[in-house]
């Protein structure tokens, strides 16, 4: 049961990253709240309380578009097996998520990076709490 929850969390995190660009059309405060109303999403959570410039929004969209096909391909491959994601698939999901997060963080100003890092820390704590609650 714990493996299924972890796999589901991995899928949710990958899916959450795909919503980053869609959320960019909203003001930053609404963006974070909107993500939470839709059941979470790493992309919205990491950019919560960060106001992006139009140029940054474009860069985030470009980064997101770079990773969406890779994430979808990986999810489809896992779904095709009909079994929960194996350790290698989960590791690849985490790797993609971390690469995308690092690229997004790199386009932020130092002040925005502080907020991003804080949001990332909170997200990891939340994930740890949900794992220990299994």
C-alpha atoms as a PDB file:
ATOM      1  CA  UNK A   1       0.000   0.000   0.000  1.00  0.00           C
ATOM      2  CA  UNK A   2       2.862   2.354   0.818  1.00  0.00           C
ATOM      3  CA  UNK A   3       4.410   1.724  -2.611  1.00  0.00           C
ATOM      4  CA  UNK A   4       1.151   2.691  -4.304  1.00  0.00           C
ATOM      5  CA  UNK A   5       0.954   5.906  -2.285  1.00  0.00           C
ATOM      6  CA  UNK A   6       4.538   6.806  -3.123  1.00  0.00           C
ATOM      7  CA  UNK A   7       3.957   6.057  -6.813  1.00  0.00           C
ATOM      8  CA  UNK A   8       0.791   8.154  -6.768  1.00  0.00           C
ATOM      9  CA  UNK A   9       2.665  10.999  -5.112  1.00  0.00           C
ATOM     10  CA  UNK A  10       5.365  10.780  -7.790  1.00  0.00           C
ATOM     11  CA  UNK A  11       2.768  10.962 -10.539  1.00  0.00           C
ATOM     12  CA  UNK A  12       1.043  13.876  -8.829  1.00  0.00           C
ATOM     13  CA  UNK A  13       4.307  15.769  -8.561  1.00  0.00           C
ATOM     14  CA  UNK A  14       5.088  15.248 -12.235  1.00  0.00           C
ATOM     15  CA  UNK A  15       1.580  16.302 -13.186  1.00  0.00           C
ATOM     16  CA  UNK A  16       1.850  19.315 -10.921  1.00  0.00           C
ATOM     17  CA  UNK A  17       4.909  20.559 -12.747  1.00  0.00           C
ATOM     18  CA  UNK A  18       2.963  20.527 -15.997  1.00  0.00           C
ATOM     19  CA  UNK A  19       0.587  23.122 -14.590  1.00  0.00           C
ATOM     20  CA  UNK A  20       3.262  25.777 -14.039  1.00  0.00           C
ATOM     21  CA  UNK A  21       2.735  27.668 -17.264  1.00  0.00           C
ATOM     22  CA  UNK A  22      -1.038  27.473 -17.057  1.00  0.00           C
ATOM     23  CA  UNK A  23      -0.884  29.032 -13.617  1.00  0.00           C
ATOM     24  CA  UNK A  24       1.300  31.878 -14.853  1.00  0.00           C
ATOM     25  CA  UNK A  25      -1.684  33.682 -16.316  1.00  0.00           C
ATOM     26  CA  UNK A  26      -2.968  34.352 -12.779  1.00  0.00           C
ATOM     27  CA  UNK A  27      -1.548  36.835 -10.286  1.00  0.00           C
ATOM     28  CA  UNK A  28       0.930  35.122  -7.953  1.00  0.00           C
ATOM     29  CA  UNK A  29      -1.368  35.134  -4.921  1.00  0.00           C
ATOM     30  CA  UNK A  30      -4.244  33.642  -6.878  1.00  0.00           C
ATOM     31  CA  UNK A  31      -1.874  31.219  -8.551  1.00  0.00           C
ATOM     32  CA  UNK A  32      -0.892  29.500  -5.311  1.00  0.00           C
ATOM     33  CA  UNK A  33      -4.468  29.420  -4.055  1.00  0.00           C
ATOM     34  CA  UNK A  34      -5.685  28.030  -7.369  1.00  0.00           C
ATOM     35  CA  UNK A  35      -3.169  25.224  -7.225  1.00  0.00           C
ATOM     36  CA  UNK A  36      -4.275  24.319  -3.725  1.00  0.00           C
ATOM     37  CA  UNK A  37      -7.945  24.284  -4.766  1.00  0.00           C
ATOM     38  CA  UNK A  38      -7.093  21.805  -7.514  1.00  0.00           C
ATOM     39  CA  UNK A  39      -5.521  19.412  -5.061  1.00  0.00           C
ATOM     40  CA  UNK A  40      -1.993  20.761  -5.031  1.00  0.00           C
ATOM     41  CA  UNK A  41       0.656  20.759  -7.633  1.00  0.00           C
ATOM     42  CA  UNK A  42       4.327  21.263  -7.252  1.00  0.00           C
ATOM     43  CA  UNK A  43       4.581  23.907  -9.950  1.00  0.00           C
ATOM     44  CA  UNK A  44       2.104  26.257  -8.314  1.00  0.00           C
ATOM     45  CA  UNK A  45       3.399  25.529  -4.853  1.00  0.00           C
ATOM     46  CA  UNK A  46       7.004  26.319  -5.741  1.00  0.00           C
ATOM     47  CA  UNK A  47       6.084  29.627  -7.369  1.00  0.00           C
ATOM     48  CA  UNK A  48       3.656  30.651  -4.617  1.00  0.00           C
ATOM     49  CA  UNK A  49       4.150  34.280  -3.549  1.00  0.00           C
ATOM     50  CA  UNK A  50       6.520  34.926  -6.465  1.00  0.00           C
ATOM     51  CA  UNK A  51       5.541  37.561  -9.006  1.00  0.00           C
ATOM     52  CA  UNK A  52       7.140  36.680 -12.317  1.00  0.00           C
ATOM     53  CA  UNK A  53       7.964  39.178 -15.026  1.00  0.00           C
ATOM     54  CA  UNK A  54       6.555  38.539 -18.482  1.00  0.00           C
ATOM     55  CA  UNK A  55      10.001  37.376 -19.596  1.00  0.00           C
ATOM     56  CA  UNK A  56      10.196  34.930 -16.682  1.00  0.00           C
ATOM     57  CA  UNK A  57       6.701  33.651 -17.477  1.00  0.00           C
ATOM     58  CA  UNK A  58       7.833  32.955 -21.020  1.00  0.00           C
ATOM     59  CA  UNK A  59      10.949  31.186 -19.753  1.00  0.00           C
ATOM     60  CA  UNK A  60       8.919  29.051 -17.327  1.00  0.00           C
ATOM     61  CA  UNK A  61       6.571  28.139 -20.168  1.00  0.00           C
ATOM     62  CA  UNK A  62       9.528  27.130 -22.360  1.00  0.00           C
ATOM     63  CA  UNK A  63      11.021  25.024 -19.557  1.00  0.00           C
ATOM     64  CA  UNK A  64       7.665  23.385 -18.880  1.00  0.00           C
ATOM     65  CA  UNK A  65       7.157  22.592 -22.561  1.00  0.00           C
ATOM     66  CA  UNK A  66      10.591  20.972 -22.609  1.00  0.00           C
ATOM     67  CA  UNK A  67       9.706  18.563 -19.788  1.00  0.00           C
ATOM     68  CA  UNK A  68       6.027  17.782 -20.446  1.00  0.00           C
ATOM     69  CA  UNK A  69       6.695  15.272 -23.257  1.00  0.00           C
ATOM     70  CA  UNK A  70       9.330  13.482 -21.160  1.00  0.00           C
ATOM     71  CA  UNK A  71       6.994  13.313 -18.161  1.00  0.00           C
ATOM     72  CA  UNK A  72       4.068  12.098 -20.247  1.00  0.00           C
ATOM     73  CA  UNK A  73       6.210   9.468 -21.947  1.00  0.00           C
ATOM     74  CA  UNK A  74       7.388   8.152 -18.595  1.00  0.00           C
ATOM     75  CA  UNK A  75       3.861   8.109 -17.162  1.00  0.00           C
ATOM     76  CA  UNK A  76       2.505   6.271 -20.212  1.00  0.00           C
ATOM     77  CA  UNK A  77       5.299   3.693 -19.981  1.00  0.00           C
ATOM     78  CA  UNK A  78       4.483   3.038 -16.328  1.00  0.00           C
ATOM     79  CA  UNK A  79       0.738   2.902 -16.986  1.00  0.00           C
ATOM     80  CA  UNK A  80       1.301   0.433 -19.823  1.00  0.00           C
ATOM     81  CA  UNK A  81       2.709  -2.083 -17.353  1.00  0.00           C
ATOM     82  CA  UNK A  82      -0.462  -1.950 -15.263  1.00  0.00           C
ATOM     83  CA  UNK A  83       1.655  -2.044 -12.115  1.00  0.00           C
ATOM     84  CA  UNK A  84       2.860   0.660  -9.765  1.00  0.00           C
ATOM     85  CA  UNK A  85       5.985   2.493 -10.845  1.00  0.00           C
ATOM     86  CA  UNK A  86       9.176   0.587 -10.120  1.00  0.00           C
ATOM     87  CA  UNK A  87      12.145   2.149  -8.358  1.00  0.00           C
ATOM     88  CA  UNK A  88      13.861   3.110 -11.630  1.00  0.00           C
ATOM     89  CA  UNK A  89      10.734   4.843 -12.948  1.00  0.00           C
ATOM     90  CA  UNK A  90      10.217   6.719  -9.691  1.00  0.00           C
ATOM     91  CA  UNK A  91      13.869   7.779  -9.722  1.00  0.00           C
ATOM     92  CA  UNK A  92      13.478   9.066 -13.290  1.00  0.00           C
ATOM     93  CA  UNK A  93      10.332  11.008 -12.298  1.00  0.00           C
ATOM     94  CA  UNK A  94      12.206  12.607  -9.407  1.00  0.00           C
ATOM     95  CA  UNK A  95      15.164  13.383 -11.664  1.00  0.00           C
ATOM     96  CA  UNK A  96      12.932  15.102 -14.240  1.00  0.00           C
ATOM     97  CA  UNK A  97      11.152  17.065 -11.520  1.00  0.00           C
ATOM     98  CA  UNK A  98      14.443  18.151  -9.952  1.00  0.00           C
ATOM     99  CA  UNK A  99      15.928  19.176 -13.318  1.00  0.00           C
ATOM    100  CA  UNK A 100      12.860  21.220 -14.160  1.00  0.00           C
ATOM    101  CA  UNK A 101      12.846  22.856 -10.722  1.00  0.00           C
ATOM    102  CA  UNK A 102      16.530  23.732 -11.035  1.00  0.00           C
ATOM    103  CA  UNK A 103      15.983  25.323 -14.442  1.00  0.00           C
ATOM    104  CA  UNK A 104      13.056  27.355 -13.154  1.00  0.00           C
ATOM    105  CA  UNK A 105      15.023  28.434 -10.080  1.00  0.00           C
ATOM    106  CA  UNK A 106      17.890  29.579 -12.305  1.00  0.00           C
ATOM    107  CA  UNK A 107      15.704  32.196 -14.033  1.00  0.00           C
ATOM    108  CA  UNK A 108      14.625  33.763 -10.737  1.00  0.00           C
ATOM    109  CA  UNK A 109      16.173  36.755  -9.012  1.00  0.00           C
ATOM    110  CA  UNK A 110      17.984  36.138  -5.712  1.00  0.00           C
ATOM    111  CA  UNK A 111      14.945  37.349  -3.726  1.00  0.00           C
ATOM    112  CA  UNK A 112      12.632  35.112  -5.755  1.00  0.00           C
ATOM    113  CA  UNK A 113      15.029  32.213  -5.218  1.00  0.00           C
ATOM    114  CA  UNK A 114      14.729  32.660  -1.444  1.00  0.00           C
ATOM    115  CA  UNK A 115      10.942  32.341  -1.692  1.00  0.00           C
ATOM    116  CA  UNK A 116      11.297  29.421  -4.116  1.00  0.00           C
ATOM    117  CA  UNK A 117      13.686  27.638  -1.722  1.00  0.00           C
ATOM    118  CA  UNK A 118      11.297  28.253   1.177  1.00  0.00           C
ATOM    119  CA  UNK A 119       8.398  26.852  -0.862  1.00  0.00           C
ATOM    120  CA  UNK A 120      10.500  23.826  -1.851  1.00  0.00           C
ATOM    121  CA  UNK A 121      11.405  23.184   1.795  1.00  0.00           C
ATOM    122  CA  UNK A 122       7.716  23.344   2.786  1.00  0.00           C
ATOM    123  CA  UNK A 123       6.753  20.996  -0.048  1.00  0.00           C
ATOM    124  CA  UNK A 124       9.380  18.450   0.985  1.00  0.00           C
ATOM    125  CA  UNK A 125       8.211  18.615   4.603  1.00  0.00           C
ATOM    126  CA  UNK A 126       4.630  18.062   3.465  1.00  0.00           C
ATOM    127  CA  UNK A 127       5.695  15.058   1.369  1.00  0.00           C
ATOM    128  CA  UNK A 128       7.663  13.627   4.300  1.00  0.00           C
ATOM    129  CA  UNK A 129       4.628  13.991   6.572  1.00  0.00           C
ATOM    130  CA  UNK A 130       2.394  12.236   4.051  1.00  0.00           C
ATOM    131  CA  UNK A 131       4.914   9.376   3.704  1.00  0.00           C
ATOM    132  CA  UNK A 132       5.185   8.899   7.462  1.00  0.00           C
ATOM    133  CA  UNK A 133       1.401   8.919   7.727  1.00  0.00           C
ATOM    134  CA  UNK A 134       1.182   5.808   5.500  1.00  0.00           C
END
